[in-house]
Amino acid sequence: MGIGHLDRLARIRGLLTARDRYGAATAKLACFGAAGFTDELRERARRNPEIVLIGAADLYP
C-alpha cells in the first residue's frame, strides 16, 4: 500500500467535507494493509497524526 491509496482517501475526505458531511473534516485517513506499506507512506504517517496505518500484525498479534 502506498501514497496513491492515501491520496485517494484524502480526495474522498475532501469531497465529503465540501458536502458538509458530519465528521468528514476531522476524519482520520486509515489504511489497512496485510502486505505492508511503502517507506514513503510510513514516513508520511509518522509525521501526520491524521494518518493511521493498520497492518496484519496490529489485527492479529
PDB file of N, CA and C in Angstrom:
ATOM      1  N   MET A   1       0.858  -1.166   0.000  1.00  0.00           N
ATOM      2  CA  MET A   1       0.000   0.000   0.000  1.00  0.00           C
ATOM      3  C   MET A   1       0.900   1.224   0.000  1.00  0.00           C
ATOM      4  N   GLY A   2       0.528   2.213  -0.809  1.00  0.00           N
ATOM      5  CA  GLY A   2       1.395   3.373  -0.949  1.00  0.00           C
ATOM      6  C   GLY A   2       0.661   4.704  -0.928  1.00  0.00           C
ATOM      7  N   ILE A   3       1.373   5.729  -1.348  1.00  0.00           N
ATOM      8  CA  ILE A   3       0.871   7.097  -1.317  1.00  0.00           C
ATOM      9  C   ILE A   3      -0.392   7.256  -2.170  1.00  0.00           C
ATOM     10  N   GLY A   4      -0.484   6.529  -3.255  1.00  0.00           N
ATOM     11  CA  GLY A   4      -1.675   6.617  -4.099  1.00  0.00           C
ATOM     12  C   GLY A   4      -2.944   6.271  -3.343  1.00  0.00           C
ATOM     13  N   HIS A   5      -2.856   5.268  -2.478  1.00  0.00           N
ATOM     14  CA  HIS A   5      -4.012   4.890  -1.661  1.00  0.00           C
ATOM     15  C   HIS A   5      -4.380   6.020  -0.702  1.00  0.00           C
ATOM     16  N   LEU A   6      -3.364   6.616  -0.107  1.00  0.00           N
ATOM     17  CA  LEU A   6      -3.595   7.727   0.815  1.00  0.00           C
ATOM     18  C   LEU A   6      -4.195   8.929   0.088  1.00  0.00           C
ATOM     19  N   ASP A   7      -3.673   9.227  -1.081  1.00  0.00           N
ATOM     20  CA  ASP A   7      -4.195  10.356  -1.864  1.00  0.00           C
ATOM     21  C   ASP A   7      -5.670  10.146  -2.206  1.00  0.00           C
ATOM     22  N   ARG A   8      -6.039   8.923  -2.522  1.00  0.00           N
ATOM     23  CA  ARG A   8      -7.433   8.614  -2.838  1.00  0.00           C
ATOM     24  C   ARG A   8      -8.329   8.872  -1.624  1.00  0.00           C
ATOM     25  N   LEU A   9      -7.890   8.425  -0.462  1.00  0.00           N
ATOM     26  CA  LEU A   9      -8.667   8.659   0.759  1.00  0.00           C
ATOM     27  C   LEU A   9      -8.785  10.152   1.068  1.00  0.00           C
ATOM     28  N   ALA A  10      -7.699  10.887   0.880  1.00  0.00           N
ATOM     29  CA  ALA A  10      -7.714  12.322   1.147  1.00  0.00           C
ATOM     30  C   ALA A  10      -8.683  13.032   0.191  1.00  0.00           C
ATOM     31  N   ARG A  11      -8.710  12.592  -1.056  1.00  0.00           N
ATOM     32  CA  ARG A  11      -9.638  13.189  -2.027  1.00  0.00           C
ATOM     33  C   ARG A  11     -11.085  12.919  -1.625  1.00  0.00           C
ATOM     34  N   ILE A  12     -11.371  11.699  -1.211  1.00  0.00           N
ATOM     35  CA  ILE A  12     -12.727  11.357  -0.770  1.00  0.00           C
ATOM     36  C   ILE A  12     -13.113  12.192   0.446  1.00  0.00           C
ATOM     37  N   ARG A  13     -12.187  12.323   1.394  1.00  0.00           N
ATOM     38  CA  ARG A  13     -12.468  13.144   2.574  1.00  0.00           C
ATOM     39  C   ARG A  13     -12.749  14.585   2.170  1.00  0.00           C
ATOM     40  N   GLY A  14     -11.987  15.103   1.200  1.00  0.00           N
ATOM     41  CA  GLY A  14     -12.208  16.461   0.721  1.00  0.00           C
ATOM     42  C   GLY A  14     -13.583  16.632   0.087  1.00  0.00           C
ATOM     43  N   LEU A  15     -14.003  15.648  -0.694  1.00  0.00           N
ATOM     44  CA  LEU A  15     -15.330  15.709  -1.314  1.00  0.00           C
ATOM     45  C   LEU A  15     -16.435  15.673  -0.261  1.00  0.00           C
ATOM     46  N   LEU A  16     -16.274  14.819   0.731  1.00  0.00           N
ATOM     47  CA  LEU A  16     -17.271  14.736   1.801  1.00  0.00           C
ATOM     48  C   LEU A  16     -17.300  16.013   2.636  1.00  0.00           C
ATOM     49  N   THR A  17     -16.141  16.591   2.864  1.00  0.00           N
ATOM     50  CA  THR A  17     -16.067  17.853   3.603  1.00  0.00           C
ATOM     51  C   THR A  17     -16.764  18.963   2.821  1.00  0.00           C
ATOM     52  N   ALA A  18     -16.556  18.991   1.505  1.00  0.00           N
ATOM     53  CA  ALA A  18     -17.193  20.005   0.667  1.00  0.00           C
ATOM     54  C   ALA A  18     -18.715  19.872   0.691  1.00  0.00           C
ATOM     55  N   ARG A  19     -19.203  18.675   0.920  1.00  0.00           N
ATOM     56  CA  ARG A  19     -20.654  18.453   1.008  1.00  0.00           C
ATOM     57  C   ARG A  19     -21.156  18.638   2.435  1.00  0.00           C
ATOM     58  N   ASP A  20     -20.247  19.092   3.299  1.00  0.00           N
ATOM     59  CA  ASP A  20     -20.584  19.377   4.701  1.00  0.00           C
ATOM     60  C   ASP A  20     -21.080  18.136   5.445  1.00  0.00           C
ATOM     61  N   ARG A  21     -20.479  16.993   5.132  1.00  0.00           N
ATOM     62  CA  ARG A  21     -20.859  15.752   5.801  1.00  0.00           C
ATOM     63  C   ARG A  21     -20.299  15.738   7.219  1.00  0.00           C
ATOM     64  N   TYR A  22     -21.115  15.345   8.152  1.00  0.00           N
ATOM     65  CA  TYR A  22     -20.742  15.342   9.562  1.00  0.00           C
ATOM     66  C   TYR A  22     -19.471  14.508   9.785  1.00  0.00           C
ATOM     67  N   GLY A  23     -18.490  15.113  10.425  1.00  0.00           N
ATOM     68  CA  GLY A  23     -17.264  14.429  10.813  1.00  0.00           C
ATOM     69  C   GLY A  23     -16.215  14.303   9.730  1.00  0.00           C
ATOM     70  N   ALA A  24     -16.552  14.648   8.502  1.00  0.00           N
ATOM     71  CA  ALA A  24     -15.604  14.460   7.400  1.00  0.00           C
ATOM     72  C   ALA A  24     -14.341  15.300   7.571  1.00  0.00           C
ATOM     73  N   ALA A  25     -14.484  16.514   8.007  1.00  0.00           N
ATOM     74  CA  ALA A  25     -13.330  17.422   8.121  1.00  0.00           C
ATOM     75  C   ALA A  25     -12.310  16.942   9.145  1.00  0.00           C
ATOM     76  N   THR A  26     -12.745  16.194  10.131  1.00  0.00           N
ATOM     77  CA  THR A  26     -11.827  15.730  11.183  1.00  0.00           C
ATOM     78  C   THR A  26     -11.540  14.229  11.095  1.00  0.00           C
ATOM     79  N   ALA A  27     -12.033  13.595  10.043  1.00  0.00           N
ATOM     80  CA  ALA A  27     -11.831  12.151   9.904  1.00  0.00           C
ATOM     81  C   ALA A  27     -10.359  11.819   9.669  1.00  0.00           C
ATOM     82  N   LYS A  28      -9.901  10.771  10.311  1.00  0.00           N
ATOM     83  CA  LYS A  28      -8.548  10.281  10.083  1.00  0.00           C
ATOM     84  C   LYS A  28      -8.536   9.452   8.808  1.00  0.00           C
ATOM     85  N   LEU A  29      -7.370   9.364   8.197  1.00  0.00           N
ATOM     86  CA  LEU A  29      -7.202   8.550   6.997  1.00  0.00           C
ATOM     87  C   LEU A  29      -6.572   7.226   7.436  1.00  0.00           C
ATOM     88  N   ALA A  30      -7.348   6.173   7.414  1.00  0.00           N
ATOM     89  CA  ALA A  30      -6.882   4.869   7.895  1.00  0.00           C
ATOM     90  C   ALA A  30      -6.637   3.931   6.723  1.00  0.00           C
ATOM     91  N   CYS A  31      -5.442   3.363   6.682  1.00  0.00           N
ATOM     92  CA  CYS A  31      -5.074   2.400   5.653  1.00  0.00           C
ATOM     93  C   CYS A  31      -4.857   1.045   6.315  1.00  0.00           C
ATOM     94  N   PHE A  32      -5.531   0.043   5.791  1.00  0.00           N
ATOM     95  CA  PHE A  32      -5.382  -1.327   6.267  1.00  0.00           C
ATOM     96  C   PHE A  32      -4.595  -2.089   5.205  1.00  0.00           C
ATOM     97  N   GLY A  33      -3.451  -2.640   5.576  1.00  0.00           N
ATOM     98  CA  GLY A  33      -2.623  -3.324   4.587  1.00  0.00           C
ATOM     99  C   GLY A  33      -2.007  -4.594   5.122  1.00  0.00           C
ATOM    100  N   ALA A  34      -2.487  -5.718   4.655  1.00  0.00           N
ATOM    101  CA  ALA A  34      -1.947  -7.009   5.090  1.00  0.00           C
ATOM    102  C   ALA A  34      -0.534  -7.227   4.559  1.00  0.00           C
ATOM    103  N   ALA A  35      -0.241  -6.665   3.385  1.00  0.00           N
ATOM    104  CA  ALA A  35       1.070  -6.856   2.769  1.00  0.00           C
ATOM    105  C   ALA A  35       2.079  -5.784   3.187  1.00  0.00           C
ATOM    106  N   GLY A  36       1.653  -4.818   3.966  1.00  0.00           N
ATOM    107  CA  GLY A  36       2.558  -3.779   4.441  1.00  0.00           C
ATOM    108  C   GLY A  36       2.385  -2.464   3.707  1.00  0.00           C
ATOM    109  N   PHE A  37       3.299  -1.529   3.991  1.00  0.00           N
ATOM    110  CA  PHE A  37       3.206  -0.163   3.488  1.00  0.00           C
ATOM    111  C   PHE A  37       4.553   0.272   2.938  1.00  0.00           C
ATOM    112  N   THR A  38       4.515   1.170   1.964  1.00  0.00           N
ATOM    113  CA  THR A  38       5.769   1.682   1.415  1.00  0.00           C
ATOM    114  C   THR A  38       6.462   2.557   2.460  1.00  0.00           C
ATOM    115  N   ASP A  39       7.753   2.720   2.285  1.00  0.00           N
ATOM    116  CA  ASP A  39       8.516   3.567   3.206  1.00  0.00           C
ATOM    117  C   ASP A  39       8.000   5.001   3.181  1.00  0.00           C
ATOM    118  N   GLU A  40       7.642   5.487   1.989  1.00  0.00           N
ATOM    119  CA  GLU A  40       7.131   6.850   1.871  1.00  0.00           C
ATOM    120  C   GLU A  40       5.828   7.031   2.655  1.00  0.00           C
ATOM    121  N   LEU A  41       4.942   6.050   2.585  1.00  0.00           N
ATOM    122  CA  LEU A  41       3.685   6.127   3.321  1.00  0.00           C
ATOM    123  C   LEU A  41       3.939   6.061   4.827  1.00  0.00           C
ATOM    124  N   ARG A  42       4.836   5.193   5.240  1.00  0.00           N
ATOM    125  CA  ARG A  42       5.177   5.104   6.675  1.00  0.00           C
ATOM    126  C   ARG A  42       5.736   6.432   7.189  1.00  0.00           C
ATOM    127  N   GLU A  43       6.594   7.053   6.400  1.00  0.00           N
ATOM    128  CA  GLU A  43       7.195   8.327   6.801  1.00  0.00           C
ATOM    129  C   GLU A  43       6.130   9.417   6.905  1.00  0.00           C
ATOM    130  N   ARG A  44       5.235   9.460   5.951  1.00  0.00           N
ATOM    131  CA  ARG A  44       4.172  10.469   5.985  1.00  0.00           C
ATOM    132  C   ARG A  44       3.283  10.248   7.204  1.00  0.00           C
ATOM    133  N   ALA A  45       2.963   9.001   7.508  1.00  0.00           N
ATOM    134  CA  ALA A  45       2.127   8.693   8.672  1.00  0.00           C
ATOM    135  C   ALA A  45       2.850   9.054   9.971  1.00  0.00           C
ATOM    136  N   ARG A  46       4.155   8.887   9.981  1.00  0.00           N
ATOM    137  CA  ARG A  46       4.936   9.230  11.178  1.00  0.00           C
ATOM    138  C   ARG A  46       4.853  10.730  11.463  1.00  0.00           C
ATOM    139  N   ARG A  47       4.804  11.537  10.393  1.00  0.00           N
ATOM    140  CA  ARG A  47       4.772  12.994  10.537  1.00  0.00           C
ATOM    141  C   ARG A  47       3.373  13.574  10.684  1.00  0.00           C
ATOM    142  N   ASN A  48       2.348  12.797  10.343  1.00  0.00           N
ATOM    143  CA  ASN A  48       0.986  13.335  10.319  1.00  0.00           C
ATOM    144  C   ASN A  48       0.051  12.458  11.163  1.00  0.00           C
ATOM    145  N   PRO A  49      -0.428  12.958  12.297  1.00  0.00           N
ATOM    146  CA  PRO A  49      -1.297  12.157  13.163  1.00  0.00           C
ATOM    147  C   PRO A  49      -2.677  11.867  12.558  1.00  0.00           C
ATOM    148  N   GLU A  50      -3.007  12.494  11.432  1.00  0.00           N
ATOM    149  CA  GLU A  50      -4.284  12.211  10.769  1.00  0.00           C
ATOM    150  C   GLU A  50      -4.243  10.912   9.971  1.00  0.00           C
ATOM    151  N   ILE A  51      -3.048  10.338   9.802  1.00  0.00           N
ATOM    152  CA  ILE A  51      -2.879   9.118   9.016  1.00  0.00           C
ATOM    153  C   ILE A  51      -2.636   7.955   9.971  1.00  0.00           C
ATOM    154  N   VAL A  52      -3.438   6.914   9.822  1.00  0.00           N
ATOM    155  CA  VAL A  52      -3.313   5.728  10.670  1.00  0.00           C
ATOM    156  C   VAL A  52      -3.047   4.525   9.774  1.00  0.00           C
ATOM    157  N   LEU A  53      -1.972   3.801  10.051  1.00  0.00           N
ATOM    158  CA  LEU A  53      -1.642   2.595   9.295  1.00  0.00           C
ATOM    159  C   LEU A  53      -1.898   1.373  10.174  1.00  0.00           C
ATOM    160  N   ILE A  54      -2.656   0.442   9.649  1.00  0.00           N
ATOM    161  CA  ILE A  54      -3.011  -0.758  10.397  1.00  0.00           C
ATOM    162  C   ILE A  54      -2.612  -1.962   9.564  1.00  0.00           C
ATOM    163  N   GLY A  55      -1.655  -2.707  10.075  1.00  0.00           N
ATOM    164  CA  GLY A  55      -1.164  -3.886   9.380  1.00  0.00           C
ATOM    165  C   GLY A  55      -1.716  -5.158   9.994  1.00  0.00           C
ATOM    166  N   ALA A  56      -1.382  -6.266   9.369  1.00  0.00           N
ATOM    167  CA  ALA A  56      -1.844  -7.572   9.844  1.00  0.00           C
ATOM    168  C   ALA A  56      -1.417  -7.830  11.288  1.00  0.00           C
ATOM    169  N   ALA A  57      -0.210  -7.435  11.639  1.00  0.00           N
ATOM    170  CA  ALA A  57       0.289  -7.659  12.998  1.00  0.00           C
ATOM    171  C   ALA A  57      -0.524  -6.866  14.028  1.00  0.00           C
ATOM    172  N   ASP A  58      -1.093  -5.738  13.609  1.00  0.00           N
ATOM    173  CA  ASP A  58      -1.938  -4.946  14.508  1.00  0.00           C
ATOM    174  C   ASP A  58      -3.264  -5.641  14.768  1.00  0.00           C
ATOM    175  N   LEU A  59      -3.764  -6.343  13.764  1.00  0.00           N
ATOM    176  CA  LEU A  59      -5.052  -7.019  13.893  1.00  0.00           C
ATOM    177  C   LEU A  59      -4.916  -8.410  14.523  1.00  0.00           C
ATOM    178  N   TYR A  60      -3.793  -9.060  14.227  1.00  0.00           N
ATOM    179  CA  TYR A  60      -3.591 -10.439  14.704  1.00  0.00           C
ATOM    180  C   TYR A  60      -2.256 -10.541  15.421  1.00  0.00           C
ATOM    181  N   PRO A  61      -2.172 -10.044  16.655  1.00  0.00           N
ATOM    182  CA  PRO A  61      -0.889 -10.067  17.380  1.00  0.00           C
ATOM    183  C   PRO A  61      -0.436 -11.476  17.743  1.00  0.00           C
TER     184      PRO A  61
END
